[in-house]
């Protein structure tokens, strides 16, 4: 009955796929994903669900993972088999390659017709429901690593870091140092904080904290204790800041928010610095050969042009961004009237 709709299903599960060439964290044979399937009475409701999930994924990636995304629709060549429309969030990694970080699909009533799934409408007649599907997977872990990480290890956004603050005692065997570190830990109880009281050297602890991507390191030694201060070290920039213990909680809170914002802005600047515009095919080919990254160019909508670009340059279409730009009036490949602006790029 129409009264039973919408049907909304969400699942977390491991799946196994045949991958000829696997990539750790990105495309392995077995991975965990979050996936949803919904059924609606009307196409309008299903399309609304499709876009809602796309926006939820984009919001999570940008505001939690600090990964700037391009929201767009896949071309018919790149969309999910059986879908009428596939939407994607595309990110740029350190090496200027694209990562399809999540997708949301509008299926229409095609699958319902194939499996003869019907519901009784308000008019007491049978109708086919309209379906959606959407999902993200553990490839987001790879995305975090390849967006923010550096040669020293992980760099984790504060809002996702399991440990946000690591307190490292300096000369911890001296009287009162470890006790003071525990006091500071209590002062920072609003955050996820630990004290590294292992018997390793401070340098070793610094390196481990960096490798694990802990956003803020607090250094506290005898001289700091005498001066009622501590040194805060940012993981993302290695900047050191001396703060009073009297307001260390406020300083750490402000610093974590600053790191979160700066990591997003840094990743966005990286993407924008490696996004180029091409108006002719020669310009497109030259840009791809000399400047790795994204290329924005117009497209006529013909799959043959999409295939030609991929065959000659090795670069595929990433998406038709929801925020369209008018670069020129003609297709970058064939010169016919253009219909959409596309992002093009090499991808994982």
C-alpha atoms as a PDB file:
ATOM      1  CA  UNK A   1       0.000   0.000   0.000  1.00  0.00           C
ATOM      2  CA  UNK A   2       1.017   3.632  -0.485  1.00  0.00           C
ATOM      3  CA  UNK A   3       0.664   3.870   3.323  1.00  0.00           C
ATOM      4  CA  UNK A   4       3.731   1.580   3.697  1.00  0.00           C
ATOM      5  CA  UNK A   5       5.968   3.918   1.709  1.00  0.00           C
ATOM      6  CA  UNK A   6       8.647   5.073   1.820  1.00  0.00           C
ATOM      7  CA  UNK A   7      10.677   1.974   2.631  1.00  0.00           C
ATOM      8  CA  UNK A   8      14.040   3.056   4.047  1.00  0.00           C
ATOM      9  CA  UNK A   9      16.835   0.526   4.558  1.00  0.00           C
ATOM     10  CA  UNK A  10      20.348   1.211   5.798  1.00  0.00           C
ATOM     11  CA  UNK A  11      23.076  -1.367   6.308  1.00  0.00           C
ATOM     12  CA  UNK A  12      26.701  -1.694   7.350  1.00  0.00           C
ATOM     13  CA  UNK A  13      28.340  -4.834   6.053  1.00  0.00           C
ATOM     14  CA  UNK A  14      31.455  -6.331   4.524  1.00  0.00           C
ATOM     15  CA  UNK A  15      31.280  -7.153   0.839  1.00  0.00           C
ATOM     16  CA  UNK A  16      33.544  -9.180  -1.395  1.00  0.00           C
ATOM     17  CA  UNK A  17      34.273  -8.159  -4.971  1.00  0.00           C
ATOM     18  CA  UNK A  18      36.550  -9.549  -7.615  1.00  0.00           C
ATOM     19  CA  UNK A  19      39.275  -6.961  -8.078  1.00  0.00           C
ATOM     20  CA  UNK A  20      41.933  -7.843 -10.603  1.00  0.00           C
ATOM     21  CA  UNK A  21      44.261  -5.229  -9.093  1.00  0.00           C
ATOM     22  CA  UNK A  22      43.539  -4.235  -5.512  1.00  0.00           C
ATOM     23  CA  UNK A  23      44.554  -0.982  -3.840  1.00  0.00           C
ATOM     24  CA  UNK A  24      44.843  -0.911  -0.040  1.00  0.00           C
ATOM     25  CA  UNK A  25      42.017   1.131   1.577  1.00  0.00           C
ATOM     26  CA  UNK A  26      40.513   2.027  -1.828  1.00  0.00           C
ATOM     27  CA  UNK A  27      39.624  -0.972  -3.968  1.00  0.00           C
ATOM     28  CA  UNK A  28      40.355  -4.141  -2.068  1.00  0.00           C
ATOM     29  CA  UNK A  29      38.653  -7.481  -2.542  1.00  0.00           C
ATOM     30  CA  UNK A  30      36.841  -7.196   0.771  1.00  0.00           C
ATOM     31  CA  UNK A  31      35.757  -3.950   2.373  1.00  0.00           C
ATOM     32  CA  UNK A  32      33.201  -2.483   4.760  1.00  0.00           C
ATOM     33  CA  UNK A  33      30.589  -0.111   3.481  1.00  0.00           C
ATOM     34  CA  UNK A  34      27.516   1.810   4.524  1.00  0.00           C
ATOM     35  CA  UNK A  35      24.752   1.407   1.995  1.00  0.00           C
ATOM     36  CA  UNK A  36      21.142   2.489   1.733  1.00  0.00           C
ATOM     37  CA  UNK A  37      18.176   1.378  -0.370  1.00  0.00           C
ATOM     38  CA  UNK A  38      14.828   3.167  -0.455  1.00  0.00           C
ATOM     39  CA  UNK A  39      11.468   2.846  -2.226  1.00  0.00           C
ATOM     40  CA  UNK A  40       9.084   5.752  -2.809  1.00  0.00           C
ATOM     41  CA  UNK A  41       5.651   6.324  -4.254  1.00  0.00           C
ATOM     42  CA  UNK A  42       6.756   9.052  -6.668  1.00  0.00           C
ATOM     43  CA  UNK A  43       9.791   9.995  -8.727  1.00  0.00           C
ATOM     44  CA  UNK A  44       9.849  13.388  -6.991  1.00  0.00           C
ATOM     45  CA  UNK A  45      10.204  11.788  -3.539  1.00  0.00           C
ATOM     46  CA  UNK A  46      12.905   9.395  -4.765  1.00  0.00           C
ATOM     47  CA  UNK A  47      14.906  12.167  -6.400  1.00  0.00           C
ATOM     48  CA  UNK A  48      14.645  14.205  -3.202  1.00  0.00           C
ATOM     49  CA  UNK A  49      16.074  11.256  -1.239  1.00  0.00           C
ATOM     50  CA  UNK A  50      18.882  10.857  -3.782  1.00  0.00           C
ATOM     51  CA  UNK A  51      19.956  14.476  -3.428  1.00  0.00           C
ATOM     52  CA  UNK A  52      19.515  14.486   0.341  1.00  0.00           C
ATOM     53  CA  UNK A  53      21.995  11.627   0.723  1.00  0.00           C
ATOM     54  CA  UNK A  54      24.451  13.215  -1.688  1.00  0.00           C
ATOM     55  CA  UNK A  55      24.356  16.383   0.414  1.00  0.00           C
ATOM     56  CA  UNK A  56      24.752  14.422   3.664  1.00  0.00           C
ATOM     57  CA  UNK A  57      27.871  12.719   2.295  1.00  0.00           C
ATOM     58  CA  UNK A  58      29.282  16.024   1.063  1.00  0.00           C
ATOM     59  CA  UNK A  59      28.593  17.718   4.398  1.00  0.00           C
ATOM     60  CA  UNK A  60      30.298  14.900   6.338  1.00  0.00           C
ATOM     61  CA  UNK A  61      33.353  14.867   4.101  1.00  0.00           C
ATOM     62  CA  UNK A  62      33.842  18.619   4.155  1.00  0.00           C
ATOM     63  CA  UNK A  63      32.897  19.447   7.757  1.00  0.00           C
ATOM     64  CA  UNK A  64      34.221  16.324   9.501  1.00  0.00           C
ATOM     65  CA  UNK A  65      36.907  14.864   7.255  1.00  0.00           C
ATOM     66  CA  UNK A  66      38.066  18.274   5.937  1.00  0.00           C
ATOM     67  CA  UNK A  67      37.977  16.865   2.383  1.00  0.00           C
ATOM     68  CA  UNK A  68      36.610  19.402  -0.136  1.00  0.00           C
ATOM     69  CA  UNK A  69      34.308  17.742  -2.652  1.00  0.00           C
ATOM     70  CA  UNK A  70      32.819  18.471  -6.044  1.00  0.00           C
ATOM     71  CA  UNK A  71      29.165  17.455  -6.170  1.00  0.00           C
ATOM     72  CA  UNK A  72      28.018  16.382  -9.593  1.00  0.00           C
ATOM     73  CA  UNK A  73      26.189  13.952 -11.805  1.00  0.00           C
ATOM     74  CA  UNK A  74      27.926  11.149 -13.643  1.00  0.00           C
ATOM     75  CA  UNK A  75      27.602  10.881 -17.412  1.00  0.00           C
ATOM     76  CA  UNK A  76      25.521   8.014 -18.782  1.00  0.00           C
ATOM     77  CA  UNK A  77      28.757   6.176 -19.589  1.00  0.00           C
ATOM     78  CA  UNK A  78      29.947   6.420 -15.978  1.00  0.00           C
ATOM     79  CA  UNK A  79      26.664   6.032 -14.102  1.00  0.00           C
ATOM     80  CA  UNK A  80      25.699   2.916 -12.140  1.00  0.00           C
ATOM     81  CA  UNK A  81      24.286   0.120 -14.277  1.00  0.00           C
ATOM     82  CA  UNK A  82      20.499   0.249 -14.124  1.00  0.00           C
ATOM     83  CA  UNK A  83      20.365   3.756 -12.677  1.00  0.00           C
ATOM     84  CA  UNK A  84      18.638   6.656 -14.384  1.00  0.00           C
ATOM     85  CA  UNK A  85      20.904   9.150 -12.609  1.00  0.00           C
ATOM     86  CA  UNK A  86      24.085   8.713 -10.578  1.00  0.00           C
ATOM     87  CA  UNK A  87      25.441  11.529  -8.412  1.00  0.00           C
ATOM     88  CA  UNK A  88      28.909  11.622  -6.941  1.00  0.00           C
ATOM     89  CA  UNK A  89      31.217  13.498  -4.595  1.00  0.00           C
ATOM     90  CA  UNK A  90      34.689  13.774  -6.129  1.00  0.00           C
ATOM     91  CA  UNK A  91      37.837  14.662  -4.183  1.00  0.00           C
ATOM     92  CA  UNK A  92      41.389  15.435  -5.255  1.00  0.00           C
ATOM     93  CA  UNK A  93      44.213  13.527  -3.590  1.00  0.00           C
ATOM     94  CA  UNK A  94      47.799  14.680  -2.932  1.00  0.00           C
ATOM     95  CA  UNK A  95      48.966  13.230  -6.250  1.00  0.00           C
ATOM     96  CA  UNK A  96      46.282  15.218  -8.121  1.00  0.00           C
ATOM     97  CA  UNK A  97      44.221  12.114  -8.931  1.00  0.00           C
ATOM     98  CA  UNK A  98      40.489  12.019  -8.306  1.00  0.00           C
ATOM     99  CA  UNK A  99      38.766   9.822  -5.754  1.00  0.00           C
ATOM    100  CA  UNK A 100      35.090   8.994  -6.103  1.00  0.00           C
ATOM    101  CA  UNK A 101      34.356   9.222  -2.393  1.00  0.00           C
ATOM    102  CA  UNK A 102      30.640   8.388  -2.432  1.00  0.00           C
ATOM    103  CA  UNK A 103      27.682   7.973  -4.755  1.00  0.00           C
ATOM    104  CA  UNK A 104      23.903   8.337  -4.687  1.00  0.00           C
ATOM    105  CA  UNK A 105      21.701   6.770  -7.383  1.00  0.00           C
ATOM    106  CA  UNK A 106      18.174   7.371  -8.619  1.00  0.00           C
ATOM    107  CA  UNK A 107      16.870   4.140 -10.154  1.00  0.00           C
ATOM    108  CA  UNK A 108      13.444   5.231 -11.297  1.00  0.00           C
ATOM    109  CA  UNK A 109      11.042   2.276 -11.477  1.00  0.00           C
ATOM    110  CA  UNK A 110      13.261   0.064 -13.649  1.00  0.00           C
ATOM    111  CA  UNK A 111      14.207  -2.449 -10.965  1.00  0.00           C
ATOM    112  CA  UNK A 112      10.649  -2.520  -9.651  1.00  0.00           C
ATOM    113  CA  UNK A 113       9.391  -3.450 -13.120  1.00  0.00           C
ATOM    114  CA  UNK A 114      12.143  -6.070 -13.557  1.00  0.00           C
ATOM    115  CA  UNK A 115      11.182  -7.779 -10.298  1.00  0.00           C
ATOM    116  CA  UNK A 116       7.461  -6.980 -10.526  1.00  0.00           C
ATOM    117  CA  UNK A 117       7.341  -4.971  -7.277  1.00  0.00           C
ATOM    118  CA  UNK A 118       4.114  -2.978  -6.972  1.00  0.00           C
ATOM    119  CA  UNK A 119       2.141  -1.046  -4.415  1.00  0.00           C
ATOM    120  CA  UNK A 120      -1.494  -0.029  -4.310  1.00  0.00           C
ATOM    121  CA  UNK A 121      -1.819   3.725  -4.782  1.00  0.00           C
ATOM    122  CA  UNK A 122      -4.370   6.155  -3.387  1.00  0.00           C
ATOM    123  CA  UNK A 123      -6.364   5.514  -6.566  1.00  0.00           C
ATOM    124  CA  UNK A 124      -6.555   1.814  -5.573  1.00  0.00           C
ATOM    125  CA  UNK A 125      -4.530   0.892  -8.662  1.00  0.00           C
ATOM    126  CA  UNK A 126      -1.152  -0.927  -8.764  1.00  0.00           C
ATOM    127  CA  UNK A 127       1.938   1.235  -9.306  1.00  0.00           C
ATOM    128  CA  UNK A 128       5.666   0.617  -9.498  1.00  0.00           C
ATOM    129  CA  UNK A 129       7.697   2.286  -6.713  1.00  0.00           C
ATOM    130  CA  UNK A 130      10.678   4.507  -7.488  1.00  0.00           C
ATOM    131  CA  UNK A 131      13.928   3.419  -5.913  1.00  0.00           C
ATOM    132  CA  UNK A 132      17.246   4.889  -4.766  1.00  0.00           C
ATOM    133  CA  UNK A 133      20.543   3.522  -3.533  1.00  0.00           C
ATOM    134  CA  UNK A 134      23.534   5.272  -2.013  1.00  0.00           C
ATOM    135  CA  UNK A 135      26.726   4.334  -0.281  1.00  0.00           C
ATOM    136  CA  UNK A 136      30.214   5.072   0.992  1.00  0.00           C
ATOM    137  CA  UNK A 137      32.934   2.651   2.045  1.00  0.00           C
ATOM    138  CA  UNK A 138      36.250   2.335   3.825  1.00  0.00           C
ATOM    139  CA  UNK A 139      37.814   4.034   0.812  1.00  0.00           C
ATOM    140  CA  UNK A 140      37.115   7.202   2.829  1.00  0.00           C
ATOM    141  CA  UNK A 141      39.952   6.083   5.121  1.00  0.00           C
ATOM    142  CA  UNK A 142      42.240   6.041   2.111  1.00  0.00           C
ATOM    143  CA  UNK A 143      40.836   9.424   1.118  1.00  0.00           C
ATOM    144  CA  UNK A 144      41.752  10.932   4.493  1.00  0.00           C
ATOM    145  CA  UNK A 145      45.289   9.539   4.251  1.00  0.00           C
ATOM    146  CA  UNK A 146      45.849  10.724   0.686  1.00  0.00           C
ATOM    147  CA  UNK A 147      44.277  14.151   1.219  1.00  0.00           C
ATOM    148  CA  UNK A 148      46.048  15.151   4.437  1.00  0.00           C
ATOM    149  CA  UNK A 149      48.926  12.762   5.175  1.00  0.00           C
ATOM    150  CA  UNK A 150      52.602  13.638   4.781  1.00  0.00           C
ATOM    151  CA  UNK A 151      55.987  11.895   4.905  1.00  0.00           C
ATOM    152  CA  UNK A 152      55.799  11.710   8.712  1.00  0.00           C
ATOM    153  CA  UNK A 153      52.544   9.745   8.709  1.00  0.00           C
ATOM    154  CA  UNK A 154      48.879  10.490   9.242  1.00  0.00           C
ATOM    155  CA  UNK A 155      47.442  13.965   9.633  1.00  0.00           C
ATOM    156  CA  UNK A 156      43.944  13.535  11.052  1.00  0.00           C
ATOM    157  CA  UNK A 157      41.263  16.224  11.199  1.00  0.00           C
ATOM    158  CA  UNK A 158      40.400  16.895  14.870  1.00  0.00           C
ATOM    159  CA  UNK A 159      36.739  15.975  14.411  1.00  0.00           C
ATOM    160  CA  UNK A 160      37.636  12.422  13.361  1.00  0.00           C
ATOM    161  CA  UNK A 161      40.833  11.836  15.369  1.00  0.00           C
ATOM    162  CA  UNK A 162      40.447   9.065  17.997  1.00  0.00           C
ATOM    163  CA  UNK A 163      42.971  10.950  20.139  1.00  0.00           C
ATOM    164  CA  UNK A 164      42.834  14.712  19.711  1.00  0.00           C
ATOM    165  CA  UNK A 165      45.538  15.656  22.221  1.00  0.00           C
ATOM    166  CA  UNK A 166      48.649  13.775  23.360  1.00  0.00           C
ATOM    167  CA  UNK A 167      50.457  15.078  26.439  1.00  0.00           C
ATOM    168  CA  UNK A 168      54.171  14.283  26.427  1.00  0.00           C
ATOM    169  CA  UNK A 169      56.069  14.713  29.732  1.00  0.00           C
ATOM    170  CA  UNK A 170      59.617  16.070  29.393  1.00  0.00           C
ATOM    171  CA  UNK A 171      61.993  14.544  31.955  1.00  0.00           C
ATOM    172  CA  UNK A 172      59.039  12.682  33.399  1.00  0.00           C
ATOM    173  CA  UNK A 173      61.131  11.025  36.132  1.00  0.00           C
ATOM    174  CA  UNK A 174      61.632  14.398  37.787  1.00  0.00           C
ATOM    175  CA  UNK A 175      59.383  14.976  40.758  1.00  0.00           C
ATOM    176  CA  UNK A 176      55.943  16.337  39.999  1.00  0.00           C
ATOM    177  CA  UNK A 177      56.139  16.225  36.168  1.00  0.00           C
ATOM    178  CA  UNK A 178      53.912  13.217  35.595  1.00  0.00           C
ATOM    179  CA  UNK A 179      51.461  14.386  38.245  1.00  0.00           C
ATOM    180  CA  UNK A 180      51.237  17.792  36.543  1.00  0.00           C
ATOM    181  CA  UNK A 181      50.595  16.106  33.184  1.00  0.00           C
ATOM    182  CA  UNK A 182      47.702  14.193  34.753  1.00  0.00           C
ATOM    183  CA  UNK A 183      46.327  17.488  36.092  1.00  0.00           C
ATOM    184  CA  UNK A 184      46.497  18.972  32.602  1.00  0.00           C
ATOM    185  CA  UNK A 185      44.723  15.901  31.249  1.00  0.00           C
ATOM    186  CA  UNK A 186      41.878  16.589  33.688  1.00  0.00           C
ATOM    187  CA  UNK A 187      41.815  20.227  32.536  1.00  0.00           C
ATOM    188  CA  UNK A 188      41.312  18.949  28.956  1.00  0.00           C
ATOM    189  CA  UNK A 189      38.556  16.473  29.839  1.00  0.00           C
ATOM    190  CA  UNK A 190      36.266  17.923  27.150  1.00  0.00           C
ATOM    191  CA  UNK A 191      38.592  16.494  24.500  1.00  0.00           C
ATOM    192  CA  UNK A 192      39.910  13.037  23.674  1.00  0.00           C
ATOM    193  CA  UNK A 193      43.264  13.249  25.453  1.00  0.00           C
ATOM    194  CA  UNK A 194      45.998  10.855  26.556  1.00  0.00           C
ATOM    195  CA  UNK A 195      49.272  11.110  28.464  1.00  0.00           C
ATOM    196  CA  UNK A 196      52.230   9.221  26.992  1.00  0.00           C
ATOM    197  CA  UNK A 197      53.868   8.004  30.200  1.00  0.00           C
ATOM    198  CA  UNK A 198      55.820   5.211  28.510  1.00  0.00           C
ATOM    199  CA  UNK A 199      59.559   4.848  29.161  1.00  0.00           C
ATOM    200  CA  UNK A 200      60.464   5.934  25.615  1.00  0.00           C
ATOM    201  CA  UNK A 201      62.429   9.134  24.955  1.00  0.00           C
ATOM    202  CA  UNK A 202      60.520  12.380  24.262  1.00  0.00           C
ATOM    203  CA  UNK A 203      61.804  12.382  20.662  1.00  0.00           C
ATOM    204  CA  UNK A 204      60.419   8.893  20.104  1.00  0.00           C
ATOM    205  CA  UNK A 205      57.077   9.979  21.565  1.00  0.00           C
ATOM    206  CA  UNK A 206      57.008  13.049  19.320  1.00  0.00           C
ATOM    207  CA  UNK A 207      57.563  10.874  16.236  1.00  0.00           C
ATOM    208  CA  UNK A 208      54.923   8.349  17.236  1.00  0.00           C
ATOM    209  CA  UNK A 209      52.393  11.096  17.908  1.00  0.00           C
ATOM    210  CA  UNK A 210      53.096  12.548  14.452  1.00  0.00           C
ATOM    211  CA  UNK A 211      52.899   9.157  12.756  1.00  0.00           C
ATOM    212  CA  UNK A 212      49.488   8.545  14.323  1.00  0.00           C
ATOM    213  CA  UNK A 213      48.262  11.950  13.157  1.00  0.00           C
ATOM    214  CA  UNK A 214      47.261  13.274  16.583  1.00  0.00           C
ATOM    215  CA  UNK A 215      46.229  16.908  15.934  1.00  0.00           C
ATOM    216  CA  UNK A 216      47.769  18.549  19.034  1.00  0.00           C
ATOM    217  CA  UNK A 217      50.765  17.572  21.132  1.00  0.00           C
ATOM    218  CA  UNK A 218      51.261  19.130  24.560  1.00  0.00           C
ATOM    219  CA  UNK A 219      54.831  19.276  25.847  1.00  0.00           C
ATOM    220  CA  UNK A 220      55.315  19.818  29.569  1.00  0.00           C
ATOM    221  CA  UNK A 221      58.678  19.820  31.364  1.00  0.00           C
ATOM    222  CA  UNK A 222      60.260  21.209  34.553  1.00  0.00           C
ATOM    223  CA  UNK A 223      60.776  24.717  33.116  1.00  0.00           C
ATOM    224  CA  UNK A 224      57.207  24.778  31.814  1.00  0.00           C
ATOM    225  CA  UNK A 225      55.874  23.712  35.193  1.00  0.00           C
ATOM    226  CA  UNK A 226      57.826  26.494  36.918  1.00  0.00           C
ATOM    227  CA  UNK A 227      56.434  29.055  34.457  1.00  0.00           C
ATOM    228  CA  UNK A 228      52.884  27.620  34.710  1.00  0.00           C
ATOM    229  CA  UNK A 229      52.834  27.014  30.962  1.00  0.00           C
ATOM    230  CA  UNK A 230      52.871  24.309  28.310  1.00  0.00           C
ATOM    231  CA  UNK A 231      53.889  24.108  24.658  1.00  0.00           C
ATOM    232  CA  UNK A 232      51.237  23.162  22.098  1.00  0.00           C
ATOM    233  CA  UNK A 233      52.467  21.681  18.814  1.00  0.00           C
ATOM    234  CA  UNK A 234      50.229  21.466  15.741  1.00  0.00           C
ATOM    235  CA  UNK A 235      50.481  18.233  13.774  1.00  0.00           C
ATOM    236  CA  UNK A 236      49.475  19.840  10.479  1.00  0.00           C
ATOM    237  CA  UNK A 237      52.034  22.683  10.449  1.00  0.00           C
ATOM    238  CA  UNK A 238      54.447  21.713  13.298  1.00  0.00           C
ATOM    239  CA  UNK A 239      53.940  25.220  14.711  1.00  0.00           C
ATOM    240  CA  UNK A 240      54.727  25.571  18.442  1.00  0.00           C
ATOM    241  CA  UNK A 241      52.621  27.782  20.707  1.00  0.00           C
ATOM    242  CA  UNK A 242      53.356  28.540  24.361  1.00  0.00           C
ATOM    243  CA  UNK A 243      50.202  28.916  26.478  1.00  0.00           C
ATOM    244  CA  UNK A 244      49.407  29.443  30.147  1.00  0.00           C
ATOM    245  CA  UNK A 245      48.068  26.452  32.047  1.00  0.00           C
ATOM    246  CA  UNK A 246      45.370  28.740  33.458  1.00  0.00           C
ATOM    247  CA  UNK A 247      43.525  28.818  30.129  1.00  0.00           C
ATOM    248  CA  UNK A 248      44.938  25.782  28.354  1.00  0.00           C
ATOM    249  CA  UNK A 249      41.494  24.244  27.789  1.00  0.00           C
ATOM    250  CA  UNK A 250      40.308  27.315  25.870  1.00  0.00           C
ATOM    251  CA  UNK A 251      43.561  27.493  23.907  1.00  0.00           C
ATOM    252  CA  UNK A 252      43.395  23.816  22.920  1.00  0.00           C
ATOM    253  CA  UNK A 253      39.734  24.110  21.908  1.00  0.00           C
ATOM    254  CA  UNK A 254      40.468  27.122  19.715  1.00  0.00           C
ATOM    255  CA  UNK A 255      43.509  25.432  18.211  1.00  0.00           C
ATOM    256  CA  UNK A 256      41.587  22.266  17.316  1.00  0.00           C
ATOM    257  CA  UNK A 257      38.947  24.303  15.505  1.00  0.00           C
ATOM    258  CA  UNK A 258      41.666  26.287  13.715  1.00  0.00           C
ATOM    259  CA  UNK A 259      43.405  23.085  12.608  1.00  0.00           C
ATOM    260  CA  UNK A 260      40.111  21.642  11.320  1.00  0.00           C
ATOM    261  CA  UNK A 261      39.411  24.790   9.290  1.00  0.00           C
ATOM    262  CA  UNK A 262      42.979  25.148   8.024  1.00  0.00           C
ATOM    263  CA  UNK A 263      43.167  21.531   6.880  1.00  0.00           C
ATOM    264  CA  UNK A 264      40.026  21.987   4.794  1.00  0.00           C
ATOM    265  CA  UNK A 265      41.212  25.277   3.322  1.00  0.00           C
ATOM    266  CA  UNK A 266      44.646  23.807   2.545  1.00  0.00           C
ATOM    267  CA  UNK A 267      43.107  20.843   0.720  1.00  0.00           C
ATOM    268  CA  UNK A 268      40.728  23.149  -1.157  1.00  0.00           C
ATOM    269  CA  UNK A 269      43.589  25.423  -2.194  1.00  0.00           C
ATOM    270  CA  UNK A 270      45.501  22.365  -3.413  1.00  0.00           C
ATOM    271  CA  UNK A 271      42.540  21.336  -5.573  1.00  0.00           C
ATOM    272  CA  UNK A 272      42.004  24.820  -6.971  1.00  0.00           C
ATOM    273  CA  UNK A 273      45.714  25.241  -7.723  1.00  0.00           C
ATOM    274  CA  UNK A 274      45.607  22.070  -9.826  1.00  0.00           C
ATOM    275  CA  UNK A 275      42.307  22.659 -11.614  1.00  0.00           C
ATOM    276  CA  UNK A 276      42.644  24.038 -15.134  1.00  0.00           C
ATOM    277  CA  UNK A 277      40.392  25.222 -17.957  1.00  0.00           C
ATOM    278  CA  UNK A 278      40.613  24.022 -21.561  1.00  0.00           C
ATOM    279  CA  UNK A 279      38.624  25.469 -24.482  1.00  0.00           C
ATOM    280  CA  UNK A 280      40.168  23.522 -27.369  1.00  0.00           C
ATOM    281  CA  UNK A 281      41.229  19.910 -27.738  1.00  0.00           C
ATOM    282  CA  UNK A 282      44.869  20.855 -28.303  1.00  0.00           C
ATOM    283  CA  UNK A 283      44.785  22.916 -25.115  1.00  0.00           C
ATOM    284  CA  UNK A 284      43.142  19.997 -23.307  1.00  0.00           C
ATOM    285  CA  UNK A 285      45.813  17.497 -24.418  1.00  0.00           C
ATOM    286  CA  UNK A 286      48.640  19.895 -23.567  1.00  0.00           C
ATOM    287  CA  UNK A 287      47.191  20.563 -20.107  1.00  0.00           C
ATOM    288  CA  UNK A 288      46.772  16.858 -19.335  1.00  0.00           C
ATOM    289  CA  UNK A 289      50.331  16.096 -20.437  1.00  0.00           C
ATOM    290  CA  UNK A 290      51.973  18.940 -18.524  1.00  0.00           C
ATOM    291  CA  UNK A 291      49.722  19.651 -15.535  1.00  0.00           C
ATOM    292  CA  UNK A 292      48.274  16.743 -13.566  1.00  0.00           C
ATOM    293  CA  UNK A 293      44.986  17.537 -11.883  1.00  0.00           C
ATOM    294  CA  UNK A 294      41.419  18.368 -12.927  1.00  0.00           C
ATOM    295  CA  UNK A 295      40.507  19.949 -16.248  1.00  0.00           C
ATOM    296  CA  UNK A 296      37.238  21.824 -16.712  1.00  0.00           C
ATOM    297  CA  UNK A 297      35.946  21.691 -20.274  1.00  0.00           C
ATOM    298  CA  UNK A 298      32.674  21.804 -22.184  1.00  0.00           C
ATOM    299  CA  UNK A 299      31.012  18.684 -23.612  1.00  0.00           C
ATOM    300  CA  UNK A 300      28.365  18.089 -26.241  1.00  0.00           C
ATOM    301  CA  UNK A 301      26.833  15.099 -24.448  1.00  0.00           C
ATOM    302  CA  UNK A 302      27.991  12.549 -27.043  1.00  0.00           C
ATOM    303  CA  UNK A 303      29.564   9.422 -25.557  1.00  0.00           C
ATOM    304  CA  UNK A 304      31.833   9.154 -28.610  1.00  0.00           C
ATOM    305  CA  UNK A 305      33.596  12.362 -27.559  1.00  0.00           C
ATOM    306  CA  UNK A 306      33.952  11.034 -24.017  1.00  0.00           C
ATOM    307  CA  UNK A 307      35.522   7.847 -25.405  1.00  0.00           C
ATOM    308  CA  UNK A 308      37.850   9.785 -27.694  1.00  0.00           C
ATOM    309  CA  UNK A 309      39.151  11.947 -24.852  1.00  0.00           C
ATOM    310  CA  UNK A 310      39.820   8.839 -22.734  1.00  0.00           C
ATOM    311  CA  UNK A 311      41.509   6.994 -25.617  1.00  0.00           C
ATOM    312  CA  UNK A 312      43.856   9.842 -26.551  1.00  0.00           C
ATOM    313  CA  UNK A 313      44.643  11.347 -23.151  1.00  0.00           C
ATOM    314  CA  UNK A 314      43.930   8.568 -20.659  1.00  0.00           C
ATOM    315  CA  UNK A 315      41.712  10.991 -18.757  1.00  0.00           C
ATOM    316  CA  UNK A 316      38.075  10.225 -18.001  1.00  0.00           C
ATOM    317  CA  UNK A 317      35.068  12.331 -17.102  1.00  0.00           C
ATOM    318  CA  UNK A 318      34.608  12.725 -13.365  1.00  0.00           C
ATOM    319  CA  UNK A 319      31.237  14.457 -13.202  1.00  0.00           C
ATOM    320  CA  UNK A 320      28.975  17.205 -14.471  1.00  0.00           C
ATOM    321  CA  UNK A 321      29.135  19.545 -11.460  1.00  0.00           C
ATOM    322  CA  UNK A 322      25.854  20.723 -10.013  1.00  0.00           C
ATOM    323  CA  UNK A 323      27.327  24.240 -10.080  1.00  0.00           C
ATOM    324  CA  UNK A 324      27.811  24.655 -13.812  1.00  0.00           C
ATOM    325  CA  UNK A 325      30.194  27.139 -15.431  1.00  0.00           C
ATOM    326  CA  UNK A 326      30.036  28.459 -18.987  1.00  0.00           C
ATOM    327  CA  UNK A 327      33.558  28.123 -20.373  1.00  0.00           C
ATOM    328  CA  UNK A 328      32.677  28.213 -24.076  1.00  0.00           C
ATOM    329  CA  UNK A 329      29.820  27.442 -26.454  1.00  0.00           C
ATOM    330  CA  UNK A 330      31.353  24.351 -28.073  1.00  0.00           C
ATOM    331  CA  UNK A 331      32.476  20.872 -27.075  1.00  0.00           C
ATOM    332  CA  UNK A 332      36.199  20.653 -26.325  1.00  0.00           C
ATOM    333  CA  UNK A 333      36.421  17.481 -28.417  1.00  0.00           C
ATOM    334  CA  UNK A 334      34.255  17.832 -31.531  1.00  0.00           C
ATOM    335  CA  UNK A 335      33.415  21.550 -31.696  1.00  0.00           C
ATOM    336  CA  UNK A 336      29.652  20.959 -31.723  1.00  0.00           C
ATOM    337  CA  UNK A 337      27.361  22.988 -29.429  1.00  0.00           C
ATOM    338  CA  UNK A 338      28.114  22.195 -25.801  1.00  0.00           C
ATOM    339  CA  UNK A 339      25.516  21.033 -23.301  1.00  0.00           C
ATOM    340  CA  UNK A 340      27.451  20.659 -20.040  1.00  0.00           C
ATOM    341  CA  UNK A 341      30.715  21.585 -18.365  1.00  0.00           C
ATOM    342  CA  UNK A 342      32.581  18.512 -17.137  1.00  0.00           C
ATOM    343  CA  UNK A 343      35.402  17.874 -14.718  1.00  0.00           C
ATOM    344  CA  UNK A 344      37.948  15.538 -16.290  1.00  0.00           C
ATOM    345  CA  UNK A 345      40.832  13.801 -14.586  1.00  0.00           C
ATOM    346  CA  UNK A 346      42.696  10.607 -13.826  1.00  0.00           C
ATOM    347  CA  UNK A 347      41.191   8.626 -10.979  1.00  0.00           C
ATOM    348  CA  UNK A 348      41.767   5.715  -8.643  1.00  0.00           C
END
